[in-house]
PDB file of N, CA and C in Angstrom:
ATOM      1  N   MET A   1     -16.197  10.362  48.111  1.00  0.00           N
ATOM      2  CA  MET A   1     -14.872  10.983  47.258  1.00  0.00           C
ATOM      3  C   MET A   1     -14.491   9.780  46.462  1.00  0.00           C
ATOM      4  N   LYS A   2     -13.936   9.107  47.372  1.00  0.00           N
ATOM      5  CA  LYS A   2     -13.343   7.424  46.416  1.00  0.00           C
ATOM      6  C   LYS A   2     -14.136   7.316  45.101  1.00  0.00           C
ATOM      7  N   LYS A   3     -15.554   7.056  45.429  1.00  0.00           N
ATOM      8  CA  LYS A   3     -16.519   6.313  44.664  1.00  0.00           C
ATOM      9  C   LYS A   3     -16.464   7.377  43.253  1.00  0.00           C
ATOM     10  N   ILE A   4     -16.559   8.840  43.296  1.00  0.00           N
ATOM     11  CA  ILE A   4     -16.176   9.381  42.185  1.00  0.00           C
ATOM     12  C   ILE A   4     -14.841   9.479  41.557  1.00  0.00           C
ATOM     13  N   ILE A   5     -14.081   9.362  42.181  1.00  0.00           N
ATOM     14  CA  ILE A   5     -12.596   9.106  41.846  1.00  0.00           C
ATOM     15  C   ILE A   5     -12.593   8.193  41.208  1.00  0.00           C
ATOM     16  N   ALA A   6     -12.886   6.692  41.350  1.00  0.00           N
ATOM     17  CA  ALA A   6     -12.826   5.357  40.757  1.00  0.00           C
ATOM     18  C   ALA A   6     -13.947   5.465  39.492  1.00  0.00           C
ATOM     19  N   THR A   7     -15.179   6.325  39.748  1.00  0.00           N
ATOM     20  CA  THR A   7     -15.971   6.064  38.708  1.00  0.00           C
ATOM     21  C   THR A   7     -15.420   6.989  37.498  1.00  0.00           C
ATOM     22  N   LEU A   8     -14.312   8.376  37.909  1.00  0.00           N
ATOM     23  CA  LEU A   8     -13.394   8.659  36.610  1.00  0.00           C
ATOM     24  C   LEU A   8     -12.631   7.684  36.020  1.00  0.00           C
ATOM     25  N   PHE A   9     -12.204   7.300  37.187  1.00  0.00           N
ATOM     26  CA  PHE A   9     -10.634   6.429  36.491  1.00  0.00           C
ATOM     27  C   PHE A   9     -11.296   5.352  36.096  1.00  0.00           C
ATOM     28  N   LEU A  10     -12.572   4.701  35.768  1.00  0.00           N
ATOM     29  CA  LEU A  10     -13.074   3.420  34.920  1.00  0.00           C
ATOM     30  C   LEU A  10     -13.343   4.278  33.677  1.00  0.00           C
ATOM     31  N   THR A  11     -14.134   5.344  33.911  1.00  0.00           N
ATOM     32  CA  THR A  11     -14.707   5.778  32.627  1.00  0.00           C
ATOM     33  C   THR A  11     -13.494   6.462  31.740  1.00  0.00           C
ATOM     34  N   THR A  12     -12.530   6.796  31.938  1.00  0.00           N
ATOM     35  CA  THR A  12     -11.253   7.288  31.582  1.00  0.00           C
ATOM     36  C   THR A  12     -10.698   5.633  30.911  1.00  0.00           C
ATOM     37  N   VAL A  13     -10.181   5.087  31.832  1.00  0.00           N
ATOM     38  CA  VAL A  13      -9.578   3.511  31.363  1.00  0.00           C
ATOM     39  C   VAL A  13     -10.674   2.755  29.998  1.00  0.00           C
ATOM     40  N   LEU A  14     -12.185   3.134  30.323  1.00  0.00           N
ATOM     41  CA  LEU A  14     -12.808   2.539  28.901  1.00  0.00           C
ATOM     42  C   LEU A  14     -12.796   3.077  28.134  1.00  0.00           C
ATOM     43  N   SER A  15     -12.534   4.191  27.998  1.00  0.00           N
ATOM     44  CA  SER A  15     -12.604   5.520  26.292  1.00  0.00           C
ATOM     45  C   SER A  15     -11.059   5.265  26.097  1.00  0.00           C
ATOM     46  N   LEU A  16      -9.983   4.864  27.064  1.00  0.00           N
ATOM     47  CA  LEU A  16      -8.878   4.666  25.802  1.00  0.00           C
ATOM     48  C   LEU A  16      -9.019   3.201  25.751  1.00  0.00           C
ATOM     49  N   THR A  17      -9.268   2.820  26.263  1.00  0.00           N
ATOM     50  CA  THR A  17      -9.274   0.984  25.521  1.00  0.00           C
ATOM     51  C   THR A  17     -10.598   1.183  24.743  1.00  0.00           C
ATOM     52  N   SER A  18     -11.405   1.868  24.403  1.00  0.00           N
ATOM     53  CA  SER A  18     -12.494   1.756  23.089  1.00  0.00           C
ATOM     54  C   SER A  18     -11.685   2.089  22.024  1.00  0.00           C
ATOM     55  N   SER A  19     -11.032   3.587  22.223  1.00  0.00           N
ATOM     56  CA  SER A  19     -10.389   4.593  21.241  1.00  0.00           C
ATOM     57  C   SER A  19      -8.698   3.275  21.020  1.00  0.00           C
ATOM     58  N   ALA A  20      -8.464   2.561  21.623  1.00  0.00           N
ATOM     59  CA  ALA A  20      -7.206   1.884  21.062  1.00  0.00           C
ATOM     60  C   ALA A  20      -7.791   0.674  19.938  1.00  0.00           C
ATOM     61  N   GLN A  21      -8.776   0.164  20.184  1.00  0.00           N
ATOM     62  CA  GLN A  21      -9.528  -0.467  19.434  1.00  0.00           C
ATOM     63  C   GLN A  21      -9.694  -0.260  17.965  1.00  0.00           C
ATOM     64  N   GLU A  22     -10.736   1.012  18.234  1.00  0.00           N
ATOM     65  CA  GLU A  22     -10.437   1.961  16.799  1.00  0.00           C
ATOM     66  C   GLU A  22      -9.669   1.809  16.393  1.00  0.00           C
ATOM     67  N   THR A  23      -8.280   2.689  16.622  1.00  0.00           N
ATOM     68  CA  THR A  23      -7.088   2.490  16.133  1.00  0.00           C
ATOM     69  C   THR A  23      -6.745   1.219  15.489  1.00  0.00           C
ATOM     70  N   SER A  24      -6.484   0.244  15.968  1.00  0.00           N
ATOM     71  CA  SER A  24      -6.574  -1.254  15.448  1.00  0.00           C
ATOM     72  C   SER A  24      -7.410  -1.490  14.319  1.00  0.00           C
ATOM     73  N   LYS A  25      -8.845  -1.235  14.098  1.00  0.00           N
ATOM     74  CA  LYS A  25      -9.518  -1.364  13.246  1.00  0.00           C
ATOM     75  C   LYS A  25      -9.074  -0.921  12.000  1.00  0.00           C
ATOM     76  N   ALA A  26      -8.692   0.514  12.415  1.00  0.00           N
ATOM     77  CA  ALA A  26      -7.986   1.719  11.311  1.00  0.00           C
ATOM     78  C   ALA A  26      -7.065   0.919  10.180  1.00  0.00           C
ATOM     79  N   ASN A  27      -6.253   0.321  10.997  1.00  0.00           N
ATOM     80  CA  ASN A  27      -4.377  -0.129  11.159  1.00  0.00           C
ATOM     81  C   ASN A  27      -5.089  -1.670  10.134  1.00  0.00           C
ATOM     82  N   THR A  28      -6.054  -2.383   9.988  1.00  0.00           N
ATOM     83  CA  THR A  28      -6.181  -3.235   9.599  1.00  0.00           C
ATOM     84  C   THR A  28      -6.878  -3.023   8.567  1.00  0.00           C
ATOM     85  N   SER A  29      -7.830  -1.829   8.378  1.00  0.00           N
ATOM     86  CA  SER A  29      -8.224  -1.509   6.806  1.00  0.00           C
ATOM     87  C   SER A  29      -7.341  -1.061   6.145  1.00  0.00           C
ATOM     88  N   LYS A  30      -6.512  -0.412   6.540  1.00  0.00           N
ATOM     89  CA  LYS A  30      -5.442   0.104   5.260  1.00  0.00           C
ATOM     90  C   LYS A  30      -4.753  -0.562   5.297  1.00  0.00           C
ATOM     91  N   THR A  31      -4.049  -1.698   5.711  1.00  0.00           N
ATOM     92  CA  THR A  31      -3.826  -3.389   5.285  1.00  0.00           C
ATOM     93  C   THR A  31      -3.960  -3.672   4.230  1.00  0.00           C
ATOM     94  N   GLU A  32      -5.767  -3.588   4.904  1.00  0.00           N
ATOM     95  CA  GLU A  32      -6.422  -4.405   4.038  1.00  0.00           C
ATOM     96  C   GLU A  32      -6.803  -3.926   2.271  1.00  0.00           C
ATOM     97  N   ILE A  33      -7.129  -2.531   2.519  1.00  0.00           N
ATOM     98  CA  ILE A  33      -6.959  -1.615   1.051  1.00  0.00           C
ATOM     99  C   ILE A  33      -5.093  -2.027   0.532  1.00  0.00           C
ATOM    100  N   THR A  34      -4.336  -2.007   1.250  1.00  0.00           N
ATOM    101  CA  THR A  34      -2.847  -2.077   0.104  1.00  0.00           C
ATOM    102  C   THR A  34      -3.090  -3.566   0.109  1.00  0.00           C
ATOM    103  N   GLU A  35      -3.334  -4.396   0.730  1.00  0.00           N
ATOM    104  CA  GLU A  35      -3.118  -6.027  -0.082  1.00  0.00           C
ATOM    105  C   GLU A  35      -4.151  -5.815  -1.348  1.00  0.00           C
ATOM    106  N   ALA A  36      -5.313  -5.293  -1.199  1.00  0.00           N
ATOM    107  CA  ALA A  36      -6.222  -5.820  -2.318  1.00  0.00           C
ATOM    108  C   ALA A  36      -5.793  -4.750  -3.214  1.00  0.00           C
ATOM    109  N   SER A  37      -5.244  -3.725  -3.048  1.00  0.00           N
ATOM    110  CA  SER A  37      -4.691  -2.732  -4.157  1.00  0.00           C
ATOM    111  C   SER A  37      -3.488  -3.290  -4.624  1.00  0.00           C
ATOM    112  N   ILE A  38      -3.015  -3.501  -4.379  1.00  0.00           N
ATOM    113  CA  ILE A  38      -1.344  -4.492  -4.881  1.00  0.00           C
ATOM    114  C   ILE A  38      -2.544  -6.231  -6.067  1.00  0.00           C
ATOM    115  N   SER A  39      -3.186  -6.455  -5.020  1.00  0.00           N
ATOM    116  CA  SER A  39      -3.875  -7.841  -5.870  1.00  0.00           C
ATOM    117  C   SER A  39      -4.523  -7.366  -7.004  1.00  0.00           C
ATOM    118  N   ARG A  40      -5.125  -6.192  -7.513  1.00  0.00           N
ATOM    119  CA  ARG A  40      -5.669  -5.627  -8.405  1.00  0.00           C
ATOM    120  C   ARG A  40      -4.837  -4.984  -9.512  1.00  0.00           C
ATOM    121  N   ASP A  41      -3.582  -4.364  -8.593  1.00  0.00           N
ATOM    122  CA  ASP A  41      -2.318  -4.119  -9.940  1.00  0.00           C
ATOM    123  C   ASP A  41      -2.226  -5.421 -10.305  1.00  0.00           C
ATOM    124  N   ILE A  42      -1.650  -6.053  -9.696  1.00  0.00           N
ATOM    125  CA  ILE A  42      -0.607  -7.495 -10.226  1.00  0.00           C
ATOM    126  C   ILE A  42      -1.978  -8.120 -11.091  1.00  0.00           C
ATOM    127  N   LYS A  43      -3.456  -8.306 -11.222  1.00  0.00           N
ATOM    128  CA  LYS A  43      -4.103  -9.143 -11.679  1.00  0.00           C
ATOM    129  C   LYS A  43      -4.645  -7.898 -13.091  1.00  0.00           C
ATOM    130  N   ASP A  44      -4.587  -6.453 -12.957  1.00  0.00           N
ATOM    131  CA  ASP A  44      -4.572  -6.102 -14.246  1.00  0.00           C
ATOM    132  C   ASP A  44      -3.193  -6.285 -14.791  1.00  0.00           C
ATOM    133  N   LEU A  45      -2.204  -5.741 -14.285  1.00  0.00           N
ATOM    134  CA  LEU A  45      -0.918  -5.899 -15.287  1.00  0.00           C
ATOM    135  C   LEU A  45      -0.521  -7.819 -15.812  1.00  0.00           C
ATOM    136  N   SER A  46      -1.432  -8.728 -15.156  1.00  0.00           N
ATOM    137  CA  SER A  46      -0.912  -9.847 -15.593  1.00  0.00           C
ATOM    138  C   SER A  46      -1.741 -10.025 -17.129  1.00  0.00           C
ATOM    139  N   LYS A  47      -2.927  -9.114 -16.550  1.00  0.00           N
ATOM    140  CA  LYS A  47      -3.655  -9.159 -18.291  1.00  0.00           C
ATOM    141  C   LYS A  47      -3.200  -8.563 -19.323  1.00  0.00           C
ATOM    142  N   THR A  48      -2.684  -7.312 -18.899  1.00  0.00           N
ATOM    143  CA  THR A  48      -2.150  -6.006 -19.861  1.00  0.00           C
ATOM    144  C   THR A  48      -0.706  -6.350 -20.672  1.00  0.00           C
ATOM    145  N   VAL A  49      -0.042  -7.468 -19.580  1.00  0.00           N
ATOM    146  CA  VAL A  49       1.385  -7.792 -20.092  1.00  0.00           C
ATOM    147  C   VAL A  49       1.668  -9.103 -20.063  1.00  0.00           C
ATOM    148  N   THR A  50       2.338  -9.859 -21.007  1.00  0.00           N
ATOM    149  CA  THR A  50       2.472 -10.919 -21.482  1.00  0.00           C
ATOM    150  C   THR A  50       3.603 -11.419 -20.236  1.00  0.00           C
ATOM    151  N   MET A  51       3.121 -12.492 -19.158  1.00  0.00           N
ATOM    152  CA  MET A  51       4.116 -12.104 -18.031  1.00  0.00           C
ATOM    153  C   MET A  51       4.310 -14.078 -17.209  1.00  0.00           C
ATOM    154  N   ASN A  52       5.616 -14.804 -17.441  1.00  0.00           N
ATOM    155  CA  ASN A  52       5.718 -16.091 -16.390  1.00  0.00           C
ATOM    156  C   ASN A  52       4.819 -15.818 -15.231  1.00  0.00           C
ATOM    157  N   GLU A  53       4.975 -16.731 -14.790  1.00  0.00           N
ATOM    158  CA  GLU A  53       4.478 -17.091 -12.768  1.00  0.00           C
ATOM    159  C   GLU A  53       5.875 -16.635 -12.383  1.00  0.00           C
ATOM    160  N   SER A  54       6.620 -16.663 -12.303  1.00  0.00           N
ATOM    161  CA  SER A  54       8.244 -16.360 -12.283  1.00  0.00           C
ATOM    162  C   SER A  54       8.430 -14.638 -11.755  1.00  0.00           C
ATOM    163  N   LEU A  55       7.895 -14.005 -12.946  1.00  0.00           N
ATOM    164  CA  LEU A  55       7.724 -12.341 -12.753  1.00  0.00           C
ATOM    165  C   LEU A  55       6.685 -11.875 -12.240  1.00  0.00           C
ATOM    166  N   THR A  56       5.209 -12.436 -12.110  1.00  0.00           N
ATOM    167  CA  THR A  56       4.154 -12.410 -11.523  1.00  0.00           C
ATOM    168  C   THR A  56       4.703 -12.283  -9.716  1.00  0.00           C
ATOM    169  N   LYS A  57       5.323 -13.262  -9.504  1.00  0.00           N
ATOM    170  CA  LYS A  57       5.745 -13.848  -7.862  1.00  0.00           C
ATOM    171  C   LYS A  57       6.488 -12.492  -7.666  1.00  0.00           C
ATOM    172  N   ASP A  58       7.528 -11.994  -8.628  1.00  0.00           N
ATOM    173  CA  ASP A  58       8.205 -10.986  -8.249  1.00  0.00           C
ATOM    174  C   ASP A  58       7.909 -10.042  -8.311  1.00  0.00           C
ATOM    175  N   PHE A  59       6.510  -9.543  -8.800  1.00  0.00           N
ATOM    176  CA  PHE A  59       6.253  -8.046  -9.251  1.00  0.00           C
ATOM    177  C   PHE A  59       5.522  -8.027  -7.933  1.00  0.00           C
ATOM    178  N   THR A  60       4.952  -9.252  -7.494  1.00  0.00           N
ATOM    179  CA  THR A  60       3.665  -9.417  -6.039  1.00  0.00           C
ATOM    180  C   THR A  60       4.850  -8.291  -5.136  1.00  0.00           C
ATOM    181  N   THR A  61       6.119  -9.633  -4.808  1.00  0.00           N
ATOM    182  CA  THR A  61       6.919  -8.885  -3.874  1.00  0.00           C
ATOM    183  C   THR A  61       6.985  -7.529  -3.531  1.00  0.00           C
ATOM    184  N   LEU A  62       8.101  -7.413  -4.859  1.00  0.00           N
ATOM    185  CA  LEU A  62       8.095  -5.839  -5.287  1.00  0.00           C
ATOM    186  C   LEU A  62       6.909  -4.601  -4.751  1.00  0.00           C
ATOM    187  N   LEU A  63       5.375  -5.041  -5.394  1.00  0.00           N
ATOM    188  CA  LEU A  63       4.590  -4.270  -5.237  1.00  0.00           C
ATOM    189  C   LEU A  63       4.339  -4.026  -3.300  1.00  0.00           C
ATOM    190  N   ASN A  64       4.524  -5.433  -2.598  1.00  0.00           N
ATOM    191  CA  ASN A  64       4.337  -5.405  -1.163  1.00  0.00           C
ATOM    192  C   ASN A  64       5.512  -4.854  -0.537  1.00  0.00           C
ATOM    193  N   MET A  65       7.105  -4.613  -1.091  1.00  0.00           N
ATOM    194  CA  MET A  65       7.535  -4.230  -0.971  1.00  0.00           C
ATOM    195  C   MET A  65       7.434  -2.642  -0.833  1.00  0.00           C
ATOM    196  N   ARG A  66       7.268  -2.457  -2.009  1.00  0.00           N
ATOM    197  CA  ARG A  66       7.123  -0.773  -1.760  1.00  0.00           C
ATOM    198  C   ARG A  66       5.473  -0.087  -0.927  1.00  0.00           C
ATOM    199  N   ALA A  67       4.955  -0.992  -0.741  1.00  0.00           N
ATOM    200  CA  ALA A  67       4.019  -0.258   0.216  1.00  0.00           C
ATOM    201  C   ALA A  67       4.371  -0.318   1.587  1.00  0.00           C
ATOM    202  N   GLU A  68       5.018  -1.083   1.986  1.00  0.00           N
ATOM    203  CA  GLU A  68       5.798  -1.780   3.024  1.00  0.00           C
ATOM    204  C   GLU A  68       6.557  -0.274   3.597  1.00  0.00           C
ATOM    205  N   ALA A  69       7.241   0.371   2.180  1.00  0.00           N
ATOM    206  CA  ALA A  69       7.878   1.342   2.527  1.00  0.00           C
ATOM    207  C   ALA A  69       7.845   2.499   2.284  1.00  0.00           C
ATOM    208  N   VAL A  70       6.698   2.608   1.676  1.00  0.00           N
ATOM    209  CA  VAL A  70       6.082   3.959   1.430  1.00  0.00           C
ATOM    210  C   VAL A  70       5.117   4.321   2.562  1.00  0.00           C
ATOM    211  N   ASN A  71       4.253   3.043   3.515  1.00  0.00           N
ATOM    212  CA  ASN A  71       3.642   3.281   4.935  1.00  0.00           C
ATOM    213  C   ASN A  71       4.661   3.635   5.696  1.00  0.00           C
ATOM    214  N   GLY A  72       5.703   3.474   5.756  1.00  0.00           N
ATOM    215  CA  GLY A  72       7.123   3.558   7.085  1.00  0.00           C
ATOM    216  C   GLY A  72       7.278   4.833   7.114  1.00  0.00           C
ATOM    217  N   ALA A  73       7.098   5.263   5.333  1.00  0.00           N
ATOM    218  CA  ALA A  73       8.022   7.166   5.548  1.00  0.00           C
ATOM    219  C   ALA A  73       7.415   7.865   6.101  1.00  0.00           C
ATOM    220  N   LYS A  74       7.782   8.989   6.742  1.00  0.00           N
ATOM    221  CA  LYS A  74       7.288  10.269   7.668  1.00  0.00           C
ATOM    222  C   LYS A  74       6.908  11.076   6.923  1.00  0.00           C
ATOM    223  N   THR A  75       7.456  11.626   5.898  1.00  0.00           N
ATOM    224  CA  THR A  75       6.594  12.980   5.259  1.00  0.00           C
ATOM    225  C   THR A  75       6.549  12.502   3.563  1.00  0.00           C
ATOM    226  N   GLU A  76       6.045  13.542   2.736  1.00  0.00           N
ATOM    227  CA  GLU A  76       4.974  13.017   1.515  1.00  0.00           C
ATOM    228  C   GLU A  76       6.487  13.105   0.486  1.00  0.00           C
ATOM    229  N   GLU A  77       7.341  14.354   0.849  1.00  0.00           N
ATOM    230  CA  GLU A  77       8.871  13.838  -0.686  1.00  0.00           C
ATOM    231  C   GLU A  77       9.466  12.373  -0.133  1.00  0.00           C
ATOM    232  N   GLU A  78       9.658  11.991   0.982  1.00  0.00           N
ATOM    233  CA  GLU A  78      10.264  10.850   1.709  1.00  0.00           C
ATOM    234  C   GLU A  78       9.193   9.571   0.651  1.00  0.00           C
ATOM    235  N   LYS A  79       7.871   9.936   0.765  1.00  0.00           N
ATOM    236  CA  LYS A  79       7.304   8.934   0.054  1.00  0.00           C
ATOM    237  C   LYS A  79       6.977   8.943  -1.369  1.00  0.00           C
ATOM    238  N   LYS A  80       6.867  10.270  -1.817  1.00  0.00           N
ATOM    239  CA  LYS A  80       7.219  10.211  -3.505  1.00  0.00           C
ATOM    240  C   LYS A  80       8.715   9.669  -3.836  1.00  0.00           C
ATOM    241  N   ALA A  81      10.077   9.711  -3.204  1.00  0.00           N
ATOM    242  CA  ALA A  81      10.981   9.200  -3.176  1.00  0.00           C
ATOM    243  C   ALA A  81      11.020   7.833  -3.070  1.00  0.00           C
ATOM    244  N   ILE A  82      10.489   7.331  -2.491  1.00  0.00           N
ATOM    245  CA  ILE A  82      10.638   5.641  -2.792  1.00  0.00           C
ATOM    246  C   ILE A  82       9.550   5.233  -3.434  1.00  0.00           C
ATOM    247  N   PHE A  83       8.727   5.611  -3.790  1.00  0.00           N
ATOM    248  CA  PHE A  83       7.094   4.997  -4.978  1.00  0.00           C
ATOM    249  C   PHE A  83       8.137   4.973  -5.751  1.00  0.00           C
ATOM    250  N   GLU A  84       8.580   6.334  -6.585  1.00  0.00           N
ATOM    251  CA  GLU A  84       9.416   6.679  -7.829  1.00  0.00           C
ATOM    252  C   GLU A  84      10.950   5.710  -7.956  1.00  0.00           C
ATOM    253  N   ARG A  85      11.263   5.396  -6.509  1.00  0.00           N
ATOM    254  CA  ARG A  85      12.801   4.631  -6.564  1.00  0.00           C
ATOM    255  C   ARG A  85      12.071   2.832  -7.033  1.00  0.00           C
ATOM    256  N   PHE A  86      10.692   2.649  -6.311  1.00  0.00           N
ATOM    257  CA  PHE A  86      10.314   1.095  -6.738  1.00  0.00           C
ATOM    258  C   PHE A  86       9.828   1.525  -8.232  1.00  0.00           C
ATOM    259  N   SER A  87       9.110   2.340  -8.456  1.00  0.00           N
ATOM    260  CA  SER A  87       8.365   2.196 -10.081  1.00  0.00           C
ATOM    261  C   SER A  87       9.887   2.008 -10.974  1.00  0.00           C
ATOM    262  N   ARG A  88      10.476   2.546 -10.796  1.00  0.00           N
ATOM    263  CA  ARG A  88      12.055   2.408 -11.792  1.00  0.00           C
ATOM    264  C   ARG A  88      11.879   0.755 -11.812  1.00  0.00           C
ATOM    265  N   LYS A  89      11.949   0.125 -10.541  1.00  0.00           N
ATOM    266  CA  LYS A  89      12.772  -1.095 -10.406  1.00  0.00           C
ATOM    267  C   LYS A  89      11.700  -2.186 -11.416  1.00  0.00           C
ATOM    268  N   LEU A  90      10.324  -1.738 -10.693  1.00  0.00           N
ATOM    269  CA  LEU A  90       9.303  -2.523 -11.431  1.00  0.00           C
ATOM    270  C   LEU A  90       9.558  -2.418 -13.057  1.00  0.00           C
ATOM    271  N   LEU A  91       9.568  -0.936 -13.390  1.00  0.00           N
ATOM    272  CA  LEU A  91       9.596  -0.777 -15.199  1.00  0.00           C
ATOM    273  C   LEU A  91      11.008  -1.305 -15.595  1.00  0.00           C
ATOM    274  N   GLY A  92      12.191  -1.371 -14.979  1.00  0.00           N
ATOM    275  CA  GLY A  92      13.115  -1.969 -15.224  1.00  0.00           C
ATOM    276  C   GLY A  92      13.216  -3.607 -15.477  1.00  0.00           C
ATOM    277  N   GLY A  93      11.731  -4.458 -14.806  1.00  0.00           N
ATOM    278  CA  GLY A  93      12.220  -5.862 -14.958  1.00  0.00           C
ATOM    279  C   GLY A  93      11.132  -6.217 -16.003  1.00  0.00           C
ATOM    280  N   LEU A  94      10.450  -5.396 -17.168  1.00  0.00           N
ATOM    281  CA  LEU A  94       9.857  -5.552 -18.122  1.00  0.00           C
ATOM    282  C   LEU A  94      11.130  -5.539 -19.445  1.00  0.00           C
ATOM    283  N   ASN A  95      10.437  -6.235 -20.291  1.00  0.00           N
ATOM    284  CA  ASN A  95      11.459  -5.966 -21.760  1.00  0.00           C
ATOM    285  C   ASN A  95      10.581  -4.937 -22.419  1.00  0.00           C
ATOM    286  N   ASP A  96      11.304  -4.971 -23.688  1.00  0.00           N
ATOM    287  CA  ASP A  96      10.756  -3.822 -24.568  1.00  0.00           C
ATOM    288  C   ASP A  96       9.025  -4.438 -25.268  1.00  0.00           C
ATOM    289  N   SER A  97       8.782  -5.676 -25.092  1.00  0.00           N
ATOM    290  CA  SER A  97       7.881  -5.919 -25.763  1.00  0.00           C
ATOM    291  C   SER A  97       6.852  -5.582 -24.848  1.00  0.00           C
ATOM    292  N   GLN A  98       7.106  -6.098 -23.311  1.00  0.00           N
ATOM    293  CA  GLN A  98       5.615  -5.951 -22.580  1.00  0.00           C
ATOM    294  C   GLN A  98       5.776  -4.361 -22.210  1.00  0.00           C
ATOM    295  N   MET A  99       6.754  -3.689 -22.014  1.00  0.00           N
ATOM    296  CA  MET A  99       6.853  -2.264 -21.763  1.00  0.00           C
ATOM    297  C   MET A  99       5.993  -1.824 -23.018  1.00  0.00           C
ATOM    298  N   THR A 100       6.386  -1.889 -24.168  1.00  0.00           N
ATOM    299  CA  THR A 100       4.846  -1.814 -24.687  1.00  0.00           C
ATOM    300  C   THR A 100       3.530  -1.913 -24.553  1.00  0.00           C
ATOM    301  N   GLN A 101       3.581  -3.347 -24.310  1.00  0.00           N
ATOM    302  CA  GLN A 101       2.039  -3.522 -24.039  1.00  0.00           C
ATOM    303  C   GLN A 101       1.821  -2.571 -23.033  1.00  0.00           C
ATOM    304  N   LEU A 102       2.895  -2.377 -21.838  1.00  0.00           N
ATOM    305  CA  LEU A 102       1.965  -1.061 -20.864  1.00  0.00           C
ATOM    306  C   LEU A 102       1.628  -0.212 -21.121  1.00  0.00           C
ATOM    307  N   LYS A 103       2.328  -0.134 -22.135  1.00  0.00           N
ATOM    308  CA  LYS A 103       2.414   1.581 -22.636  1.00  0.00           C
ATOM    309  C   LYS A 103       0.711   1.920 -23.253  1.00  0.00           C
ATOM    310  N   LEU A 104       0.174   0.860 -23.435  1.00  0.00           N
ATOM    311  CA  LEU A 104      -1.037   0.780 -24.031  1.00  0.00           C
ATOM    312  C   LEU A 104      -2.237   1.141 -23.510  1.00  0.00           C
ATOM    313  N   ASN A 105      -2.139   0.679 -21.593  1.00  0.00           N
ATOM    314  CA  ASN A 105      -2.561   0.972 -21.256  1.00  0.00           C
ATOM    315  C   ASN A 105      -2.048   2.206 -19.851  1.00  0.00           C
ATOM    316  N   PRO A 106      -2.546   2.957 -20.018  1.00  0.00           N
ATOM    317  CA  PRO A 106      -2.047   4.277 -19.339  1.00  0.00           C
ATOM    318  C   PRO A 106      -2.464   4.468 -17.680  1.00  0.00           C
ATOM    319  N   GLU A 107      -3.934   4.035 -18.170  1.00  0.00           N
ATOM    320  CA  GLU A 107      -4.066   4.144 -16.416  1.00  0.00           C
ATOM    321  C   GLU A 107      -3.637   3.059 -16.010  1.00  0.00           C
ATOM    322  N   LEU A 108      -3.104   1.981 -16.213  1.00  0.00           N
ATOM    323  CA  LEU A 108      -2.257   1.322 -15.593  1.00  0.00           C
ATOM    324  C   LEU A 108      -1.574   1.522 -14.755  1.00  0.00           C
ATOM    325  N   LEU A 109      -0.360   2.169 -16.114  1.00  0.00           N
ATOM    326  CA  LEU A 109       0.994   2.846 -15.856  1.00  0.00           C
ATOM    327  C   LEU A 109       0.577   3.744 -15.519  1.00  0.00           C
ATOM    328  N   ASN A 110       0.256   4.641 -15.072  1.00  0.00           N
ATOM    329  CA  ASN A 110      -0.309   5.538 -13.992  1.00  0.00           C
ATOM    330  C   ASN A 110      -0.273   5.060 -12.771  1.00  0.00           C
ATOM    331  N   ARG A 111      -0.893   4.279 -12.354  1.00  0.00           N
ATOM    332  CA  ARG A 111      -1.207   3.582 -11.167  1.00  0.00           C
ATOM    333  C   ARG A 111      -0.245   3.082 -10.780  1.00  0.00           C
ATOM    334  N   LEU A 112       0.469   2.140 -11.393  1.00  0.00           N
ATOM    335  CA  LEU A 112       1.565   1.887 -10.745  1.00  0.00           C
ATOM    336  C   LEU A 112       3.302   2.866 -10.809  1.00  0.00           C
ATOM    337  N   THR A 113       3.264   3.771 -11.382  1.00  0.00           N
ATOM    338  CA  THR A 113       4.404   4.543 -11.592  1.00  0.00           C
ATOM    339  C   THR A 113       4.109   5.969 -10.791  1.00  0.00           C
ATOM    340  N   GLN A 114       2.981   6.620 -10.868  1.00  0.00           N
ATOM    341  CA  GLN A 114       2.770   7.710 -10.032  1.00  0.00           C
ATOM    342  C   GLN A 114       2.365   7.933  -8.990  1.00  0.00           C
ATOM    343  N   PHE A 115       2.353   8.735  -8.254  1.00  0.00           N
ATOM    344  CA  PHE A 115       2.426   8.777  -6.232  1.00  0.00           C
ATOM    345  C   PHE A 115       1.415   9.579  -6.085  1.00  0.00           C
ATOM    346  N   SER A 116       0.544   8.981  -5.484  1.00  0.00           N
ATOM    347  CA  SER A 116      -0.888   9.965  -5.144  1.00  0.00           C
ATOM    348  C   SER A 116      -0.820   9.264  -3.391  1.00  0.00           C
ATOM    349  N   SER A 117      -1.274  10.803  -3.314  1.00  0.00           N
ATOM    350  CA  SER A 117      -0.881  10.701  -1.250  1.00  0.00           C
ATOM    351  C   SER A 117      -2.548   9.727  -0.867  1.00  0.00           C
ATOM    352  N   SER A 118      -3.457   9.365  -1.745  1.00  0.00           N
ATOM    353  CA  SER A 118      -4.392   8.655  -1.633  1.00  0.00           C
ATOM    354  C   SER A 118      -3.861   6.994  -1.668  1.00  0.00           C
ATOM    355  N   LYS A 119      -2.792   6.524  -1.510  1.00  0.00           N
ATOM    356  CA  LYS A 119      -2.542   5.233  -1.705  1.00  0.00           C
ATOM    357  C   LYS A 119      -2.226   4.983  -0.191  1.00  0.00           C
TER     358      LYS A 119
END
């Protein structure tokens, strides 16, 4: 009887450990996707809009902050509100000439300013 209980206990512990490792891997891949997405957005933005190095760093920081805030939000409405707030800050950092350049790339503009649940 003790052997059966010990076997069940070890099986449960091992399954919980493997489950925790899988969850950790999933969280890491989500972080990597976010970082890759931010890098791609900044690269595309700097190709589309004339920016100096300081503005590029500021936008990188802003997009990282937005990703952290959206990932920390609990509801879909809260995520949308956070995304919209950071989008206004991002667009507010551009002058008229830069805004015109960004509007010439509507796909990038939508990616930077429109919330989608896949992000």
